[in-house]
C-alpha cells in the first residue's frame, strides 16, 4: 500500500495509473466523472454542498480518528480511555 499512498492508508483509487488517496477526493472525483450525486462544479449549489462536506469533515473526522486510535490502532500501553470519554 505504501507504493500507492505514502501514509499507508486506505482507500486508494488508482485511475489511469494515478493514485487518489483521500476519501473525499475519491468521492468527489467519481461523482464529477459520472455526473451524479453532486451539484455541478462552479455553481452555488456545489459551493453549498462543499461547505457542508467540509463542515462534516471538520466536526466528525478528527474525533472519529482519535477514538479509533485509542480503541485499536495504538499499542495498548499508549491508549487513553479518557480521550474517548471526552470525545463522546
N, C-alpha and C. Protein backbone atom coordinates (compact mmCIF):
# COMPACT_ATOMS: atom_id res chain seq x y z
N UNK A 1 0.82 -1.19 0.00
CA UNK A 1 0.00 0.00 0.00
C UNK A 1 0.86 1.26 0.00
N UNK A 2 2.02 1.23 0.63
CA UNK A 2 2.88 2.41 0.69
C UNK A 2 3.28 2.87 -0.71
N UNK A 3 3.36 1.93 -1.64
CA UNK A 3 3.71 2.32 -3.00
C UNK A 3 2.64 3.20 -3.64
N UNK A 4 1.39 3.08 -3.18
CA UNK A 4 0.30 3.89 -3.71
C UNK A 4 -0.01 5.10 -2.84
N UNK A 5 0.18 4.95 -1.53
CA UNK A 5 -0.11 6.03 -0.59
C UNK A 5 1.00 6.06 0.46
N UNK A 6 1.83 7.09 0.44
CA UNK A 6 2.94 7.15 1.40
C UNK A 6 2.50 7.07 2.86
N UNK A 7 1.24 7.44 3.15
CA UNK A 7 0.74 7.36 4.52
C UNK A 7 0.29 5.94 4.87
N UNK A 8 0.34 5.03 3.90
CA UNK A 8 -0.02 3.62 4.09
C UNK A 8 -1.44 3.47 4.62
N UNK A 9 -2.37 4.26 4.03
CA UNK A 9 -3.76 4.21 4.44
C UNK A 9 -4.62 3.83 3.24
N UNK A 10 -5.83 3.40 3.54
CA UNK A 10 -6.84 3.15 2.52
C UNK A 10 -7.97 4.14 2.78
N UNK A 11 -8.77 4.48 1.84
CA UNK A 11 -8.83 3.94 0.50
C UNK A 11 -7.83 4.62 -0.44
N UNK A 12 -7.57 3.93 -1.53
CA UNK A 12 -6.79 4.47 -2.64
C UNK A 12 -7.51 4.07 -3.91
N UNK A 13 -7.77 5.04 -4.76
CA UNK A 13 -8.33 4.77 -6.09
C UNK A 13 -7.23 5.06 -7.10
N UNK A 14 -6.95 4.09 -7.95
CA UNK A 14 -5.95 4.30 -8.99
C UNK A 14 -6.69 4.47 -10.31
N UNK A 15 -6.52 5.63 -10.90
CA UNK A 15 -7.20 5.98 -12.15
C UNK A 15 -6.14 6.35 -13.18
N UNK A 16 -6.08 5.62 -14.27
CA UNK A 16 -5.07 5.86 -15.31
C UNK A 16 -3.66 5.90 -14.73
N UNK A 17 -3.39 5.01 -13.77
CA UNK A 17 -2.07 4.91 -13.17
C UNK A 17 -1.78 5.95 -12.10
N UNK A 18 -2.73 6.81 -11.80
CA UNK A 18 -2.52 7.86 -10.80
C UNK A 18 -3.34 7.55 -9.55
N UNK A 19 -2.69 7.42 -8.39
CA UNK A 19 -3.43 7.16 -7.17
C UNK A 19 -4.10 8.43 -6.62
N UNK A 20 -5.34 8.27 -6.17
CA UNK A 20 -6.06 9.31 -5.44
C UNK A 20 -6.21 8.75 -4.04
N UNK A 21 -5.70 9.47 -3.03
CA UNK A 21 -5.54 8.87 -1.71
C UNK A 21 -6.43 9.45 -0.63
N UNK A 22 -7.32 10.34 -0.95
CA UNK A 22 -8.20 10.93 0.06
C UNK A 22 -9.63 10.52 -0.23
N UNK A 23 -10.34 10.03 0.78
CA UNK A 23 -11.69 9.50 0.54
C UNK A 23 -12.64 10.56 0.00
N UNK A 24 -12.56 11.79 0.49
CA UNK A 24 -13.43 12.84 -0.02
C UNK A 24 -13.07 13.17 -1.47
N UNK A 25 -11.80 13.23 -1.79
CA UNK A 25 -11.38 13.48 -3.16
C UNK A 25 -11.85 12.36 -4.10
N UNK A 26 -11.78 11.13 -3.62
CA UNK A 26 -12.24 9.99 -4.42
C UNK A 26 -13.73 10.11 -4.71
N UNK A 27 -14.51 10.40 -3.68
CA UNK A 27 -15.96 10.52 -3.85
C UNK A 27 -16.30 11.65 -4.80
N UNK A 28 -15.68 12.81 -4.61
CA UNK A 28 -15.97 13.94 -5.49
C UNK A 28 -15.53 13.66 -6.93
N UNK A 29 -14.39 13.04 -7.09
CA UNK A 29 -13.92 12.69 -8.43
C UNK A 29 -14.91 11.77 -9.13
N UNK A 30 -15.33 10.72 -8.45
CA UNK A 30 -16.27 9.77 -9.06
C UNK A 30 -17.60 10.42 -9.37
N UNK A 31 -18.10 11.25 -8.45
CA UNK A 31 -19.37 11.94 -8.68
C UNK A 31 -19.26 12.88 -9.88
N UNK A 32 -18.17 13.66 -9.95
CA UNK A 32 -17.97 14.57 -11.08
C UNK A 32 -17.81 13.80 -12.39
N UNK A 33 -17.04 12.76 -12.35
CA UNK A 33 -16.77 11.99 -13.57
C UNK A 33 -18.04 11.38 -14.15
N UNK A 34 -18.92 10.92 -13.27
CA UNK A 34 -20.14 10.26 -13.72
C UNK A 34 -21.34 11.19 -13.74
N UNK A 35 -21.15 12.45 -13.34
CA UNK A 35 -22.22 13.43 -13.40
C UNK A 35 -23.41 13.09 -12.51
N UNK A 36 -23.13 12.48 -11.35
CA UNK A 36 -24.21 12.07 -10.46
C UNK A 36 -23.82 12.36 -9.01
N UNK A 37 -24.83 12.47 -8.18
CA UNK A 37 -24.68 12.57 -6.73
C UNK A 37 -23.95 13.83 -6.27
N UNK A 38 -23.84 14.82 -7.11
CA UNK A 38 -23.20 16.06 -6.72
C UNK A 38 -23.76 17.19 -7.58
N UNK A 39 -23.65 18.38 -7.06
CA UNK A 39 -24.03 19.57 -7.84
C UNK A 39 -22.91 19.88 -8.83
N UNK A 40 -23.24 20.49 -9.95
CA UNK A 40 -22.19 20.81 -10.94
C UNK A 40 -21.12 21.74 -10.37
N UNK A 41 -19.87 21.46 -10.73
CA UNK A 41 -18.75 22.30 -10.30
C UNK A 41 -18.97 23.73 -10.79
N UNK A 42 -18.60 24.69 -9.94
CA UNK A 42 -18.70 26.10 -10.32
C UNK A 42 -20.07 26.71 -10.07
N UNK A 43 -20.97 25.98 -9.42
CA UNK A 43 -22.30 26.52 -9.11
C UNK A 43 -22.42 26.82 -7.62
N UNK A 44 -23.39 27.66 -7.29
CA UNK A 44 -23.64 27.94 -5.87
C UNK A 44 -24.10 26.68 -5.15
N UNK A 45 -24.84 25.83 -5.84
CA UNK A 45 -25.25 24.57 -5.24
C UNK A 45 -24.04 23.73 -4.84
N UNK A 46 -23.02 23.69 -5.69
CA UNK A 46 -21.80 22.95 -5.38
C UNK A 46 -21.06 23.59 -4.22
N UNK A 47 -21.04 24.92 -4.18
CA UNK A 47 -20.38 25.61 -3.08
C UNK A 47 -21.06 25.26 -1.76
N UNK A 48 -22.39 25.24 -1.74
CA UNK A 48 -23.10 24.87 -0.51
C UNK A 48 -22.83 23.41 -0.15
N UNK A 49 -22.82 22.55 -1.16
CA UNK A 49 -22.52 21.13 -0.92
C UNK A 49 -21.11 20.97 -0.36
N UNK A 50 -20.14 21.64 -0.95
CA UNK A 50 -18.76 21.56 -0.47
C UNK A 50 -18.64 22.13 0.94
N UNK A 51 -19.39 23.18 1.25
CA UNK A 51 -19.37 23.75 2.60
C UNK A 51 -19.85 22.73 3.62
N UNK A 52 -20.93 22.03 3.30
CA UNK A 52 -21.45 21.01 4.21
C UNK A 52 -20.46 19.86 4.35
N UNK A 53 -19.87 19.43 3.24
CA UNK A 53 -18.89 18.35 3.29
C UNK A 53 -17.72 18.73 4.20
N UNK A 54 -17.19 19.93 4.02
CA UNK A 54 -16.04 20.36 4.83
C UNK A 54 -16.43 20.52 6.30
N UNK A 55 -17.64 21.02 6.57
CA UNK A 55 -18.11 21.15 7.95
C UNK A 55 -18.15 19.78 8.62
N UNK A 56 -18.73 18.80 7.93
CA UNK A 56 -18.84 17.46 8.50
C UNK A 56 -17.47 16.85 8.74
N UNK A 57 -16.56 17.03 7.79
CA UNK A 57 -15.20 16.52 7.98
C UNK A 57 -14.52 17.18 9.16
N UNK A 58 -14.65 18.50 9.26
CA UNK A 58 -14.02 19.23 10.37
C UNK A 58 -14.57 18.77 11.72
N UNK A 59 -15.87 18.58 11.79
CA UNK A 59 -16.52 18.28 13.06
C UNK A 59 -16.39 16.82 13.49
N UNK A 60 -16.43 15.90 12.54
CA UNK A 60 -16.52 14.49 12.89
C UNK A 60 -15.27 13.66 12.61
N UNK A 61 -14.59 13.93 11.52
CA UNK A 61 -13.49 13.06 11.11
C UNK A 61 -12.37 12.99 12.14
N UNK A 62 -11.94 14.14 12.62
CA UNK A 62 -10.83 14.14 13.59
C UNK A 62 -11.22 13.40 14.87
N UNK A 63 -12.45 13.60 15.32
CA UNK A 63 -12.90 12.92 16.55
C UNK A 63 -12.98 11.41 16.34
N UNK A 64 -13.54 11.00 15.22
CA UNK A 64 -13.65 9.56 14.94
C UNK A 64 -12.27 8.92 14.82
N UNK A 65 -11.34 9.61 14.18
CA UNK A 65 -9.98 9.08 14.04
C UNK A 65 -9.31 8.95 15.40
N UNK A 66 -9.52 9.94 16.27
CA UNK A 66 -8.92 9.89 17.61
C UNK A 66 -9.50 8.73 18.42
N UNK A 67 -10.81 8.51 18.32
CA UNK A 67 -11.43 7.37 19.01
C UNK A 67 -10.84 6.07 18.48
N UNK A 68 -10.70 5.95 17.17
CA UNK A 68 -10.14 4.74 16.58
C UNK A 68 -8.71 4.51 17.07
N UNK A 69 -7.92 5.57 17.10
CA UNK A 69 -6.53 5.43 17.55
C UNK A 69 -6.46 4.89 18.97
N UNK A 70 -7.34 5.38 19.84
CA UNK A 70 -7.30 4.96 21.24
C UNK A 70 -8.14 3.73 21.51
N UNK A 71 -8.73 3.15 20.48
CA UNK A 71 -9.51 1.91 20.62
C UNK A 71 -8.73 0.70 20.12
N UNK A 72 -8.09 0.84 18.94
CA UNK A 72 -7.44 -0.35 18.37
C UNK A 72 -6.20 -0.06 17.54
N UNK A 73 -5.89 1.17 17.24
CA UNK A 73 -4.74 1.45 16.38
C UNK A 73 -3.45 1.55 17.19
N UNK A 74 -3.47 2.35 18.24
CA UNK A 74 -2.27 2.49 19.07
C UNK A 74 -2.01 1.22 19.87
N UNK A 75 -0.76 0.96 20.22
CA UNK A 75 -0.49 -0.15 21.15
C UNK A 75 -1.24 0.10 22.45
N UNK A 76 -1.65 -0.97 23.08
CA UNK A 76 -2.48 -0.85 24.30
C UNK A 76 -1.88 0.07 25.35
N UNK A 77 -0.57 0.03 25.50
CA UNK A 77 0.06 0.85 26.54
C UNK A 77 -0.03 2.35 26.24
N UNK A 78 -0.36 2.73 25.02
CA UNK A 78 -0.47 4.14 24.66
C UNK A 78 -1.93 4.63 24.58
N UNK A 79 -2.87 3.73 24.68
CA UNK A 79 -4.29 4.10 24.60
C UNK A 79 -4.76 4.76 25.89
N UNK A 80 -5.57 5.80 25.73
CA UNK A 80 -6.11 6.52 26.88
C UNK A 80 -7.63 6.52 26.82
N UNK A 81 -8.26 5.83 27.74
CA UNK A 81 -9.73 5.76 27.76
C UNK A 81 -10.34 7.14 27.95
N UNK A 82 -9.69 7.99 28.72
CA UNK A 82 -10.23 9.33 28.99
C UNK A 82 -10.37 10.14 27.70
N UNK A 83 -9.52 9.90 26.74
CA UNK A 83 -9.62 10.61 25.46
C UNK A 83 -10.94 10.26 24.80
N UNK A 84 -11.28 8.98 24.78
CA UNK A 84 -12.53 8.54 24.17
C UNK A 84 -13.73 9.14 24.90
N UNK A 85 -13.67 9.15 26.23
CA UNK A 85 -14.77 9.70 27.02
C UNK A 85 -14.98 11.18 26.68
N UNK A 86 -13.89 11.92 26.55
CA UNK A 86 -14.02 13.36 26.26
C UNK A 86 -14.58 13.61 24.86
N UNK A 87 -14.36 12.71 23.93
CA UNK A 87 -14.85 12.89 22.57
C UNK A 87 -16.33 12.53 22.41
N UNK A 88 -16.81 11.73 23.34
CA UNK A 88 -18.25 11.39 23.29
C UNK A 88 -19.07 12.62 23.60
